[in-house]
Amino acid sequence: MPRVVPVFAVCLLAACSGGTLGPAASPTTSHSAPTRSATPPVSASSPALPLAWHVGPPLPVAVSEVGVAALGDQVHVLGGYVGGRAHSRTHLVFDTKTARWSQGVPLPERLDHIGVAALDGKLWAVGGYSSNGVVNHVWSWTPGATSWNAEPPLPAARTAGVLVVVGGKLHYLGGKSGGVDVHDHLVFDPATGRWATAAPMPTARDHMAAAVLDNRIYVGTGRPGDLRTFEVYDATTDRWSTGPPVPLGRSSVAGAAFAGHFLVIGGEHPQEQGVDREVDAFDPRTGRWTRFPDLPHGVQGIGAAVVGGVLYVPGGGPVGGASRQSDVLLELS
């Protein structure tokens, strides 16, 4: 089972910008109505995929629109909505060895929709919404430290994008700037302390899913609308390719690299305020989408992390929008 990093990918049938991946190519922008996909979920009792969702210890506080990352044996949950209110300094820590939650060092400012990843033994929190609007702030925290450190800021303010790690560098993709979706692909090298640009995403979007496998970044779904668009970035060639559309378009999803697949988990349809249970899974070996077991309940505004072969999805919104948050920890194993 591959170890998850903030984003993962495996190059498949195409490696050049504008190419295709898998049996069918998607248009540059692909939408779907807020309905279930026709592909049934794989049974948890299937010999080929003996996976099932379980409910873990509840979070100390209900949250949504959070950033989530694994660091060592711990799952960290940062920022988000609490009590129906935006922006928080939340830092919750789940120890997967003891199955206990604790309070971490609070963020230095109240944020939500932040990009979170682990790199060089540190947690990184990038961008997001604050009470003053969209920010370009970058913060890092080292285990054992009592405060967060300010790092070189993003070249411009960003929120609701995705943050992943490839080749020892942070990659921040897409999101919103000035209320507009962007294609930008920003790369931070901790060795130089500088941000640079890489090949932009073909589709400008926010609230999407992303994960990394074998030096490639997979990006799927998102806004505007309920995108089905699926694109893959090859960090070796600095090029994007287009793959078969995600079976169900939606946004506010979690992305993960798990059991050799790129997963698109849960989500919502903003116009109808509906939430999804669906877990779509792309297999780089076959170039096709399948379904993993559905979530026990619909949830959106989520993140995911993998530790020791278990996928963790903490909190999230059980309804569309920001009115309610959840304290439920879901585990797939």
C-alpha atoms as a PDB file:
ATOM      1  CA  MET A   1       0.000   0.000   0.000  1.00  0.00           C
ATOM      2  CA  PRO A   2       1.538   3.344  -0.982  1.00  0.00           C
ATOM      3  CA  ARG A   3       2.361   5.887   1.658  1.00  0.00           C
ATOM      4  CA  VAL A   4       0.213   8.969   1.237  1.00  0.00           C
ATOM      5  CA  VAL A   5       1.734  12.361   0.818  1.00  0.00           C
ATOM      6  CA  PRO A   6      -0.334  15.497   0.300  1.00  0.00           C
ATOM      7  CA  VAL A   7      -0.812  14.468  -3.316  1.00  0.00           C
ATOM      8  CA  PHE A   8       0.245  11.461  -5.374  1.00  0.00           C
ATOM      9  CA  ALA A   9       0.128  10.166  -8.858  1.00  0.00           C
ATOM     10  CA  VAL A  10       1.329   7.604 -11.329  1.00  0.00           C
ATOM     11  CA  CYS A  11       1.884   8.441 -14.987  1.00  0.00           C
ATOM     12  CA  LEU A  12      -0.165   6.222 -17.150  1.00  0.00           C
ATOM     13  CA  LEU A  13      -1.093   6.267 -20.763  1.00  0.00           C
ATOM     14  CA  ALA A  14      -0.141   9.860 -21.493  1.00  0.00           C
ATOM     15  CA  ALA A  15       2.616  12.111 -20.258  1.00  0.00           C
ATOM     16  CA  CYS A  16       2.315  15.222 -22.357  1.00  0.00           C
ATOM     17  CA  SER A  17       0.190  18.295 -21.823  1.00  0.00           C
ATOM     18  CA  GLY A  18      -3.136  17.895 -23.551  1.00  0.00           C
ATOM     19  CA  GLY A  19      -2.756  14.099 -23.752  1.00  0.00           C
ATOM     20  CA  THR A  20      -5.210  11.511 -22.515  1.00  0.00           C
ATOM     21  CA  LEU A  21      -5.015   9.044 -19.670  1.00  0.00           C
ATOM     22  CA  GLY A  22      -6.996   5.823 -19.721  1.00  0.00           C
ATOM     23  CA  PRO A  23      -9.646   4.609 -22.170  1.00  0.00           C
ATOM     24  CA  ALA A  24     -11.442   7.917 -22.678  1.00  0.00           C
ATOM     25  CA  ALA A  25     -10.493  11.567 -22.490  1.00  0.00           C
ATOM     26  CA  SER A  26     -12.602  14.215 -20.793  1.00  0.00           C
ATOM     27  CA  PRO A  27     -13.252  17.683 -22.181  1.00  0.00           C
ATOM     28  CA  THR A  28     -11.285  20.496 -20.618  1.00  0.00           C
ATOM     29  CA  THR A  29     -14.245  21.276 -18.365  1.00  0.00           C
ATOM     30  CA  SER A  30     -16.783  18.579 -17.538  1.00  0.00           C
ATOM     31  CA  HIS A  31     -19.852  18.968 -15.346  1.00  0.00           C
ATOM     32  CA  SER A  32     -22.416  16.577 -13.946  1.00  0.00           C
ATOM     33  CA  ALA A  33     -25.863  16.924 -12.396  1.00  0.00           C
ATOM     34  CA  PRO A  34     -25.932  16.379  -8.607  1.00  0.00           C
ATOM     35  CA  THR A  35     -26.860  12.690  -8.800  1.00  0.00           C
ATOM     36  CA  ARG A  36     -25.150   9.438  -7.967  1.00  0.00           C
ATOM     37  CA  SER A  37     -22.908   7.866 -10.549  1.00  0.00           C
ATOM     38  CA  ALA A  38     -24.098   4.689 -12.223  1.00  0.00           C
ATOM     39  CA  THR A  39     -21.176   2.655 -10.903  1.00  0.00           C
ATOM     40  CA  PRO A  40     -22.198   0.686  -7.789  1.00  0.00           C
ATOM     41  CA  PRO A  41     -19.836   0.687  -4.803  1.00  0.00           C
ATOM     42  CA  VAL A  42     -17.583  -2.306  -4.267  1.00  0.00           C
ATOM     43  CA  SER A  43     -18.931  -4.528  -1.513  1.00  0.00           C
ATOM     44  CA  ALA A  44     -16.933  -4.442   1.707  1.00  0.00           C
ATOM     45  CA  SER A  45     -17.047  -8.243   1.635  1.00  0.00           C
ATOM     46  CA  SER A  46     -15.487  -8.481  -1.823  1.00  0.00           C
ATOM     47  CA  PRO A  47     -12.385 -10.732  -1.742  1.00  0.00           C
ATOM     48  CA  ALA A  48     -10.664  -8.288  -4.102  1.00  0.00           C
ATOM     49  CA  LEU A  49     -11.235  -5.309  -1.814  1.00  0.00           C
ATOM     50  CA  PRO A  50     -11.874  -6.300   1.835  1.00  0.00           C
ATOM     51  CA  LEU A  51     -12.366  -2.714   2.999  1.00  0.00           C
ATOM     52  CA  ALA A  52     -15.005  -1.187   5.240  1.00  0.00           C
ATOM     53  CA  TRP A  53     -15.647   2.124   6.995  1.00  0.00           C
ATOM     54  CA  HIS A  54     -15.526   2.317  10.788  1.00  0.00           C
ATOM     55  CA  VAL A  55     -16.277   5.119  13.238  1.00  0.00           C
ATOM     56  CA  GLY A  56     -13.349   6.130  15.440  1.00  0.00           C
ATOM     57  CA  PRO A  57     -13.141   8.252  18.596  1.00  0.00           C
ATOM     58  CA  PRO A  58     -15.021  11.547  18.151  1.00  0.00           C
ATOM     59  CA  LEU A  59     -13.117  14.788  17.662  1.00  0.00           C
ATOM     60  CA  PRO A  60     -12.942  17.130  20.685  1.00  0.00           C
ATOM     61  CA  VAL A  61     -14.843  19.721  18.640  1.00  0.00           C
ATOM     62  CA  ALA A  62     -17.015  19.558  15.527  1.00  0.00           C
ATOM     63  CA  VAL A  63     -15.278  21.130  12.492  1.00  0.00           C
ATOM     64  CA  SER A  64     -15.540  21.528   8.716  1.00  0.00           C
ATOM     65  CA  GLU A  65     -13.560  23.194   5.897  1.00  0.00           C
ATOM     66  CA  VAL A  66     -10.395  21.974   7.590  1.00  0.00           C
ATOM     67  CA  GLY A  67      -6.893  21.146   6.461  1.00  0.00           C
ATOM     68  CA  VAL A  68      -5.769  17.581   7.252  1.00  0.00           C
ATOM     69  CA  ALA A  69      -2.346  15.924   7.083  1.00  0.00           C
ATOM     70  CA  ALA A  70      -0.463  13.005   8.588  1.00  0.00           C
ATOM     71  CA  LEU A  71       2.847  13.585  10.350  1.00  0.00           C
ATOM     72  CA  GLY A  72       4.437  10.426  11.696  1.00  0.00           C
ATOM     73  CA  ASP A  73       1.793   8.376  13.477  1.00  0.00           C
ATOM     74  CA  GLN A  74      -0.474  11.376  14.002  1.00  0.00           C
ATOM     75  CA  VAL A  75      -3.304  12.971  12.040  1.00  0.00           C
ATOM     76  CA  HIS A  76      -3.476  16.758  12.333  1.00  0.00           C
ATOM     77  CA  VAL A  77      -6.648  18.797  11.742  1.00  0.00           C
ATOM     78  CA  LEU A  78      -6.160  22.534  11.222  1.00  0.00           C
ATOM     79  CA  GLY A  79      -8.392  25.618  11.024  1.00  0.00           C
ATOM     80  CA  GLY A  80     -11.917  25.437   9.689  1.00  0.00           C
ATOM     81  CA  TYR A  81     -15.453  26.269  10.729  1.00  0.00           C
ATOM     82  CA  VAL A  82     -16.545  25.704  14.324  1.00  0.00           C
ATOM     83  CA  GLY A  83     -20.087  26.188  15.615  1.00  0.00           C
ATOM     84  CA  GLY A  84     -21.274  27.438  12.238  1.00  0.00           C
ATOM     85  CA  ARG A  85     -18.724  30.256  12.296  1.00  0.00           C
ATOM     86  CA  ALA A  86     -15.843  30.694   9.858  1.00  0.00           C
ATOM     87  CA  HIS A  87     -12.158  30.969  10.744  1.00  0.00           C
ATOM     88  CA  SER A  88     -10.602  29.219  13.715  1.00  0.00           C
ATOM     89  CA  ARG A  89      -7.206  28.527  15.237  1.00  0.00           C
ATOM     90  CA  THR A  90      -8.092  24.851  15.609  1.00  0.00           C
ATOM     91  CA  HIS A  91      -5.258  22.339  15.859  1.00  0.00           C
ATOM     92  CA  LEU A  92      -6.451  18.863  16.795  1.00  0.00           C
ATOM     93  CA  VAL A  93      -4.103  15.876  16.938  1.00  0.00           C
ATOM     94  CA  PHE A  94      -5.157  12.231  16.683  1.00  0.00           C
ATOM     95  CA  ASP A  95      -2.582   9.676  17.832  1.00  0.00           C
ATOM     96  CA  THR A  96      -3.252   6.574  15.766  1.00  0.00           C
ATOM     97  CA  LYS A  97      -1.266   4.385  18.193  1.00  0.00           C
ATOM     98  CA  THR A  98      -3.316   5.276  21.272  1.00  0.00           C
ATOM     99  CA  ALA A  99      -6.540   6.213  19.409  1.00  0.00           C
ATOM    100  CA  ARG A 100      -6.728   9.433  21.437  1.00  0.00           C
ATOM    101  CA  TRP A 101      -7.276  13.063  20.500  1.00  0.00           C
ATOM    102  CA  SER A 102      -5.394  16.007  21.984  1.00  0.00           C
ATOM    103  CA  GLN A 103      -5.151  19.740  21.439  1.00  0.00           C
ATOM    104  CA  GLY A 104      -2.188  20.875  19.380  1.00  0.00           C
ATOM    105  CA  VAL A 105      -0.520  24.278  19.235  1.00  0.00           C
ATOM    106  CA  PRO A 106      -3.193  26.675  17.899  1.00  0.00           C
ATOM    107  CA  LEU A 107      -2.663  28.306  14.524  1.00  0.00           C
ATOM    108  CA  PRO A 108      -1.239  31.844  14.785  1.00  0.00           C
ATOM    109  CA  GLU A 109      -4.360  33.256  13.105  1.00  0.00           C
ATOM    110  CA  ARG A 110      -7.978  32.232  12.527  1.00  0.00           C
ATOM    111  CA  LEU A 111      -8.238  30.441   9.176  1.00  0.00           C
ATOM    112  CA  ASP A 112     -10.282  28.055   7.077  1.00  0.00           C
ATOM    113  CA  HIS A 113      -9.892  26.549   3.577  1.00  0.00           C
ATOM    114  CA  ILE A 114      -6.138  26.263   4.146  1.00  0.00           C
ATOM    115  CA  GLY A 115      -3.731  23.939   2.355  1.00  0.00           C
ATOM    116  CA  VAL A 116      -2.002  21.579   4.787  1.00  0.00           C
ATOM    117  CA  ALA A 117       0.842  19.114   4.205  1.00  0.00           C
ATOM    118  CA  ALA A 118       3.794  17.503   5.983  1.00  0.00           C
ATOM    119  CA  LEU A 119       7.332  18.063   4.704  1.00  0.00           C
ATOM    120  CA  ASP A 120      10.774  17.734   6.289  1.00  0.00           C
ATOM    121  CA  GLY A 121       9.280  16.688   9.613  1.00  0.00           C
ATOM    122  CA  LYS A 122       7.091  19.792   9.807  1.00  0.00           C
ATOM    123  CA  LEU A 123       3.456  20.696   9.275  1.00  0.00           C
ATOM    124  CA  TRP A 124       2.837  23.420   6.718  1.00  0.00           C
ATOM    125  CA  ALA A 125      -0.287  25.587   6.503  1.00  0.00           C
ATOM    126  CA  VAL A 126      -0.653  27.691   3.355  1.00  0.00           C
ATOM    127  CA  GLY A 127      -3.162  30.378   2.349  1.00  0.00           C
ATOM    128  CA  GLY A 128      -6.838  30.322   3.284  1.00  0.00           C
ATOM    129  CA  TYR A 129      -9.589  32.662   4.400  1.00  0.00           C
ATOM    130  CA  SER A 130      -9.150  34.829   7.488  1.00  0.00           C
ATOM    131  CA  SER A 131     -11.358  37.499   9.024  1.00  0.00           C
ATOM    132  CA  ASN A 132      -9.468  39.941   6.788  1.00  0.00           C
ATOM    133  CA  GLY A 133     -10.138  37.992   3.588  1.00  0.00           C
ATOM    134  CA  VAL A 134      -7.890  35.744   1.529  1.00  0.00           C
ATOM    135  CA  VAL A 135      -4.285  35.552   2.761  1.00  0.00           C
ATOM    136  CA  ASN A 136      -0.901  34.635   1.320  1.00  0.00           C
ATOM    137  CA  HIS A 137       0.519  33.555   4.674  1.00  0.00           C
ATOM    138  CA  VAL A 138       2.589  30.414   5.077  1.00  0.00           C
ATOM    139  CA  TRP A 139       3.174  28.850   8.511  1.00  0.00           C
ATOM    140  CA  SER A 140       5.181  25.844   9.684  1.00  0.00           C
ATOM    141  CA  TRP A 141       5.161  23.906  12.935  1.00  0.00           C
ATOM    142  CA  THR A 142       7.752  21.462  14.220  1.00  0.00           C
ATOM    143  CA  PRO A 143       6.638  18.750  16.681  1.00  0.00           C
ATOM    144  CA  GLY A 144       7.556  19.801  20.203  1.00  0.00           C
ATOM    145  CA  ALA A 145       7.533  23.516  19.379  1.00  0.00           C
ATOM    146  CA  THR A 146       5.207  25.832  21.294  1.00  0.00           C
ATOM    147  CA  SER A 147       4.515  28.170  18.384  1.00  0.00           C
ATOM    148  CA  TRP A 148       4.257  28.340  14.593  1.00  0.00           C
ATOM    149  CA  ASN A 149       6.930  29.931  12.399  1.00  0.00           C
ATOM    150  CA  ALA A 150       6.240  32.399   9.595  1.00  0.00           C
ATOM    151  CA  GLU A 151       7.639  31.170   6.272  1.00  0.00           C
ATOM    152  CA  PRO A 152       8.083  32.960   2.913  1.00  0.00           C
ATOM    153  CA  PRO A 153       4.561  33.922   1.792  1.00  0.00           C
ATOM    154  CA  LEU A 154       2.804  32.871  -1.382  1.00  0.00           C
ATOM    155  CA  PRO A 155       3.419  35.239  -4.320  1.00  0.00           C
ATOM    156  CA  ALA A 156      -0.279  36.172  -4.067  1.00  0.00           C
ATOM    157  CA  ALA A 157      -3.170  35.451  -1.717  1.00  0.00           C
ATOM    158  CA  ARG A 158      -4.900  32.106  -2.325  1.00  0.00           C
ATOM    159  CA  THR A 159      -7.645  30.038  -0.728  1.00  0.00           C
ATOM    160  CA  ALA A 160      -9.488  26.743  -1.295  1.00  0.00           C
ATOM    161  CA  GLY A 161      -6.667  25.299  -3.387  1.00  0.00           C
ATOM    162  CA  VAL A 162      -4.761  22.088  -2.679  1.00  0.00           C
ATOM    163  CA  LEU A 163      -1.327  21.589  -1.136  1.00  0.00           C
ATOM    164  CA  VAL A 164       0.742  18.471  -1.851  1.00  0.00           C
ATOM    165  CA  VAL A 165       4.349  17.313  -1.672  1.00  0.00           C
ATOM    166  CA  VAL A 166       6.354  16.063  -4.653  1.00  0.00           C
ATOM    167  CA  GLY A 167      10.118  15.672  -4.813  1.00  0.00           C
ATOM    168  CA  GLY A 168      10.700  17.357  -1.468  1.00  0.00           C
ATOM    169  CA  LYS A 169       8.814  20.500  -2.478  1.00  0.00           C
ATOM    170  CA  LEU A 170       5.408  21.968  -1.661  1.00  0.00           C
ATOM    171  CA  HIS A 171       3.007  22.322  -4.582  1.00  0.00           C
ATOM    172  CA  TYR A 172       0.014  24.660  -4.159  1.00  0.00           C
ATOM    173  CA  LEU A 173      -2.485  24.356  -7.005  1.00  0.00           C
ATOM    174  CA  GLY A 174      -5.489  26.376  -8.065  1.00  0.00           C
ATOM    175  CA  GLY A 175      -7.889  27.895  -5.583  1.00  0.00           C
ATOM    176  CA  LYS A 176      -9.387  31.346  -5.620  1.00  0.00           C
ATOM    177  CA  SER A 177      -7.775  34.757  -5.830  1.00  0.00           C
ATOM    178  CA  GLY A 178      -9.849  37.911  -5.699  1.00  0.00           C
ATOM    179  CA  GLY A 179     -12.993  35.807  -6.008  1.00  0.00           C
ATOM    180  CA  VAL A 180     -11.771  34.242  -9.275  1.00  0.00           C
ATOM    181  CA  ASP A 181     -10.673  30.630  -9.830  1.00  0.00           C
ATOM    182  CA  VAL A 182      -7.049  30.323 -10.955  1.00  0.00           C
ATOM    183  CA  HIS A 183      -4.896  27.800 -12.845  1.00  0.00           C
ATOM    184  CA  ASP A 184      -1.760  28.696 -10.906  1.00  0.00           C
ATOM    185  CA  HIS A 185       0.731  26.035  -9.843  1.00  0.00           C
ATOM    186  CA  LEU A 186       3.097  27.405  -7.193  1.00  0.00           C
ATOM    187  CA  VAL A 187       6.100  25.450  -5.898  1.00  0.00           C
ATOM    188  CA  PHE A 188       8.055  26.091  -2.701  1.00  0.00           C
ATOM    189  CA  ASP A 189      11.554  24.699  -2.225  1.00  0.00           C
ATOM    190  CA  PRO A 190      12.468  24.675   1.491  1.00  0.00           C
ATOM    191  CA  ALA A 191      16.154  24.395   0.537  1.00  0.00           C
ATOM    192  CA  THR A 192      16.098  27.850  -1.063  1.00  0.00           C
ATOM    193  CA  GLY A 193      13.150  29.375   0.797  1.00  0.00           C
ATOM    194  CA  ARG A 194      11.651  30.553  -2.492  1.00  0.00           C
ATOM    195  CA  TRP A 195       8.400  30.121  -4.389  1.00  0.00           C
ATOM    196  CA  ALA A 196       8.493  29.423  -8.124  1.00  0.00           C
ATOM    197  CA  THR A 197       5.924  28.518 -10.780  1.00  0.00           C
ATOM    198  CA  ALA A 198       5.376  25.228 -12.583  1.00  0.00           C
ATOM    199  CA  ALA A 199       3.086  24.324 -15.489  1.00  0.00           C
ATOM    200  CA  PRO A 200      -0.396  25.667 -14.653  1.00  0.00           C
ATOM    201  CA  MET A 201      -3.382  23.363 -14.310  1.00  0.00           C
ATOM    202  CA  PRO A 202      -5.389  23.120 -17.537  1.00  0.00           C
ATOM    203  CA  THR A 203      -8.599  23.776 -15.562  1.00  0.00           C
ATOM    204  CA  ALA A 204      -8.941  26.650 -13.100  1.00  0.00           C
ATOM    205  CA  ARG A 205     -10.784  25.380 -10.025  1.00  0.00           C
ATOM    206  CA  ASP A 206     -11.181  25.371  -6.256  1.00  0.00           C
ATOM    207  CA  HIS A 207     -12.525  22.968  -3.593  1.00  0.00           C
ATOM    208  CA  MET A 208     -11.079  19.995  -5.541  1.00  0.00           C
ATOM    209  CA  ALA A 209      -9.492  16.665  -4.607  1.00  0.00           C
ATOM    210  CA  ALA A 210      -5.788  15.969  -5.050  1.00  0.00           C
ATOM    211  CA  ALA A 211      -3.256  13.302  -4.130  1.00  0.00           C
ATOM    212  CA  VAL A 212       0.199  12.075  -5.181  1.00  0.00           C
ATOM    213  CA  LEU A 213       1.416   8.716  -6.489  1.00  0.00           C
ATOM    214  CA  ASP A 214       4.816   7.986  -8.008  1.00  0.00           C
ATOM    215  CA  ASN A 215       5.884  11.562  -8.642  1.00  0.00           C
ATOM    216  CA  ARG A 216       2.544  12.545 -10.182  1.00  0.00           C
ATOM    217  CA  ILE A 217      -0.236  14.766  -8.877  1.00  0.00           C
ATOM    218  CA  TYR A 218      -3.836  13.733  -9.503  1.00  0.00           C
ATOM    219  CA  VAL A 219      -6.507  16.446  -9.416  1.00  0.00           C
ATOM    220  CA  GLY A 220     -10.243  15.848  -9.801  1.00  0.00           C
ATOM    221  CA  THR A 221     -13.667  17.498  -9.329  1.00  0.00           C
ATOM    222  CA  GLY A 222     -14.117  20.972  -7.802  1.00  0.00           C
ATOM    223  CA  ARG A 223     -15.767  24.280  -8.648  1.00  0.00           C
ATOM    224  CA  PRO A 224     -17.089  26.243 -10.498  1.00  0.00           C
ATOM    225  CA  GLY A 225     -20.090  23.975 -10.821  1.00  0.00           C
ATOM    226  CA  ASP A 226     -19.765  20.263 -10.132  1.00  0.00           C
ATOM    227  CA  LEU A 227     -16.657  19.486 -12.161  1.00  0.00           C
ATOM    228  CA  ARG A 228     -15.893  15.944 -13.288  1.00  0.00           C
ATOM    229  CA  THR A 229     -12.609  17.000 -14.884  1.00  0.00           C
ATOM    230  CA  PHE A 230      -9.607  14.815 -14.038  1.00  0.00           C
ATOM    231  CA  GLU A 231      -6.041  15.943 -14.721  1.00  0.00           C
ATOM    232  CA  VAL A 232      -2.587  14.564 -13.899  1.00  0.00           C
ATOM    233  CA  TYR A 233       0.698  16.426 -13.472  1.00  0.00           C
ATOM    234  CA  ASP A 234       4.001  14.672 -14.153  1.00  0.00           C
ATOM    235  CA  ALA A 235       6.634  16.341 -11.988  1.00  0.00           C
ATOM    236  CA  THR A 236       9.423  14.803 -14.056  1.00  0.00           C
ATOM    237  CA  THR A 237       8.332  16.436 -17.329  1.00  0.00           C
ATOM    238  CA  ASP A 238       6.425  19.433 -15.879  1.00  0.00           C
ATOM    239  CA  ARG A 239       3.438  18.524 -18.060  1.00  0.00           C
ATOM    240  CA  TRP A 240      -0.259  17.859 -17.547  1.00  0.00           C
ATOM    241  CA  SER A 241      -2.440  15.169 -19.099  1.00  0.00           C
ATOM    242  CA  THR A 242      -6.204  14.630 -19.074  1.00  0.00           C
ATOM    243  CA  GLY A 243      -7.849  11.446 -17.848  1.00  0.00           C
ATOM    244  CA  PRO A 244     -11.349   9.924 -17.891  1.00  0.00           C
ATOM    245  CA  PRO A 245     -13.888  12.089 -16.047  1.00  0.00           C
ATOM    246  CA  VAL A 246     -14.621  11.416 -12.391  1.00  0.00           C
ATOM    247  CA  PRO A 247     -17.887   9.427 -12.227  1.00  0.00           C
ATOM    248  CA  LEU A 248     -19.642  11.963 -10.004  1.00  0.00           C
ATOM    249  CA  GLY A 249     -18.947  15.696 -10.221  1.00  0.00           C
ATOM    250  CA  ARG A 250     -18.955  17.616  -6.942  1.00  0.00           C
ATOM    251  CA  SER A 251     -16.802  19.882  -4.749  1.00  0.00           C
ATOM    252  CA  SER A 252     -15.634  20.293  -1.113  1.00  0.00           C
ATOM    253  CA  VAL A 253     -14.217  16.787  -1.390  1.00  0.00           C
ATOM    254  CA  ALA A 254     -11.215  15.034   0.128  1.00  0.00           C
ATOM    255  CA  GLY A 255      -8.507  13.473  -2.013  1.00  0.00           C
ATOM    256  CA  ALA A 256      -6.194  10.646  -0.968  1.00  0.00           C
ATOM    257  CA  ALA A 257      -3.731   8.065  -2.238  1.00  0.00           C
ATOM    258  CA  PHE A 258      -4.898   4.791  -0.766  1.00  0.00           C
ATOM    259  CA  ALA A 259      -4.632   1.099  -1.671  1.00  0.00           C
ATOM    260  CA  GLY A 260      -2.931   1.972  -4.954  1.00  0.00           C
ATOM    261  CA  HIS A 261      -5.765   4.290  -6.039  1.00  0.00           C
ATOM    262  CA  PHE A 262      -6.523   8.003  -6.200  1.00  0.00           C
ATOM    263  CA  LEU A 263      -9.671   8.531  -4.139  1.00  0.00           C
ATOM    264  CA  VAL A 264     -12.261  11.314  -4.414  1.00  0.00           C
ATOM    265  CA  ILE A 265     -14.211  11.207  -1.158  1.00  0.00           C
ATOM    266  CA  GLY A 266     -17.609  12.681  -0.238  1.00  0.00           C
ATOM    267  CA  GLY A 267     -18.344  16.283  -1.222  1.00  0.00           C
ATOM    268  CA  GLU A 268     -21.309  18.517  -1.937  1.00  0.00           C
ATOM    269  CA  HIS A 269     -23.308  20.164  -4.701  1.00  0.00           C
ATOM    270  CA  PRO A 270     -23.353  23.881  -3.758  1.00  0.00           C
ATOM    271  CA  GLN A 271     -26.489  24.825  -5.689  1.00  0.00           C
ATOM    272  CA  GLU A 272     -28.591  22.129  -4.042  1.00  0.00           C
ATOM    273  CA  GLN A 273     -26.767  22.062  -0.689  1.00  0.00           C
ATOM    274  CA  GLY A 274     -26.682  18.251  -0.906  1.00  0.00           C
ATOM    275  CA  VAL A 275     -23.870  16.063   0.426  1.00  0.00           C
ATOM    276  CA  ASP A 276     -22.398  12.850  -0.994  1.00  0.00           C
ATOM    277  CA  ARG A 277     -21.355   9.461   0.395  1.00  0.00           C
ATOM    278  CA  GLU A 278     -19.630   8.347  -2.793  1.00  0.00           C
ATOM    279  CA  VAL A 279     -15.966   7.324  -2.882  1.00  0.00           C
ATOM    280  CA  ASP A 280     -14.652   7.210  -6.456  1.00  0.00           C
ATOM    281  CA  ALA A 281     -11.340   5.412  -7.013  1.00  0.00           C
ATOM    282  CA  PHE A 282      -8.989   5.725  -9.987  1.00  0.00           C
ATOM    283  CA  ASP A 283      -6.618   2.820 -10.616  1.00  0.00           C
ATOM    284  CA  PRO A 284      -3.460   3.973 -12.452  1.00  0.00           C
ATOM    285  CA  ARG A 285      -2.770   0.378 -13.507  1.00  0.00           C
ATOM    286  CA  THR A 286      -5.993   0.082 -15.520  1.00  0.00           C
ATOM    287  CA  GLY A 287      -6.710   3.750 -16.252  1.00  0.00           C
ATOM    288  CA  ARG A 288     -10.288   3.282 -15.011  1.00  0.00           C
ATOM    289  CA  TRP A 289     -12.558   4.531 -12.245  1.00  0.00           C
ATOM    290  CA  THR A 290     -14.290   2.186  -9.804  1.00  0.00           C
ATOM    291  CA  ARG A 291     -16.151   2.673  -6.510  1.00  0.00           C
ATOM    292  CA  PHE A 292     -14.852   1.985  -3.043  1.00  0.00           C
ATOM    293  CA  PRO A 293     -17.366   1.428  -0.203  1.00  0.00           C
ATOM    294  CA  ASP A 294     -19.592   4.461   0.349  1.00  0.00           C
ATOM    295  CA  LEU A 295     -19.109   6.624   3.418  1.00  0.00           C
ATOM    296  CA  PRO A 296     -21.509   5.784   6.269  1.00  0.00           C
ATOM    297  CA  HIS A 297     -23.037   9.240   5.753  1.00  0.00           C
ATOM    298  CA  GLY A 298     -22.597  12.189   3.419  1.00  0.00           C
ATOM    299  CA  VAL A 299     -19.989  14.756   4.396  1.00  0.00           C
ATOM    300  CA  GLN A 300     -18.248  17.741   2.783  1.00  0.00           C
ATOM    301  CA  GLY A 301     -15.614  20.346   3.618  1.00  0.00           C
ATOM    302  CA  ILE A 302     -13.224  17.533   4.519  1.00  0.00           C
ATOM    303  CA  GLY A 303      -9.644  16.397   4.299  1.00  0.00           C
ATOM    304  CA  ALA A 304      -8.075  12.955   4.538  1.00  0.00           C
ATOM    305  CA  ALA A 305      -4.831  11.369   5.718  1.00  0.00           C
ATOM    306  CA  VAL A 306      -3.363   7.866   5.679  1.00  0.00           C
ATOM    307  CA  VAL A 307      -1.363   6.326   8.529  1.00  0.00           C
ATOM    308  CA  GLY A 308      -0.379   2.671   8.768  1.00  0.00           C
ATOM    309  CA  GLY A 309      -2.688   1.506   6.010  1.00  0.00           C
ATOM    310  CA  VAL A 310      -5.759   3.239   7.464  1.00  0.00           C
ATOM    311  CA  LEU A 311      -7.512   6.190   5.782  1.00  0.00           C
ATOM    312  CA  TYR A 312      -8.809   8.839   8.197  1.00  0.00           C
ATOM    313  CA  VAL A 313     -11.520  11.422   7.393  1.00  0.00           C
ATOM    314  CA  PRO A 314     -12.147  13.678  10.422  1.00  0.00           C
ATOM    315  CA  GLY A 315     -15.158  15.954  10.858  1.00  0.00           C
ATOM    316  CA  GLY A 316     -16.684  17.839   7.946  1.00  0.00           C
ATOM    317  CA  GLY A 317     -20.116  19.207   7.146  1.00  0.00           C
ATOM    318  CA  PRO A 318     -23.015  16.695   7.354  1.00  0.00           C
ATOM    319  CA  VAL A 319     -25.154  19.101   5.313  1.00  0.00           C
ATOM    320  CA  GLY A 320     -24.334  21.467   2.477  1.00  0.00           C
ATOM    321  CA  GLY A 321     -22.893  24.862   3.309  1.00  0.00           C
ATOM    322  CA  ALA A 322     -21.383  25.993   6.601  1.00  0.00           C
ATOM    323  CA  SER A 323     -24.297  25.803   9.034  1.00  0.00           C
ATOM    324  CA  ARG A 324     -23.333  22.502  10.689  1.00  0.00           C
ATOM    325  CA  GLN A 325     -20.147  20.674  11.539  1.00  0.00           C
ATOM    326  CA  SER A 326     -19.409  17.076  12.556  1.00  0.00           C
ATOM    327  CA  ASP A 327     -17.215  15.542  15.266  1.00  0.00           C
ATOM    328  CA  VAL A 328     -17.226  12.078  13.645  1.00  0.00           C
ATOM    329  CA  LEU A 329     -13.949  10.389  12.712  1.00  0.00           C
ATOM    330  CA  LEU A 330     -14.358   7.945   9.816  1.00  0.00           C
ATOM    331  CA  GLU A 331     -11.742   5.268   9.190  1.00  0.00           C
ATOM    332  CA  LEU A 332     -11.366   3.046   6.114  1.00  0.00           C
ATOM    333  CA  SER A 333      -9.435  -0.190   6.557  1.00  0.00           C
END
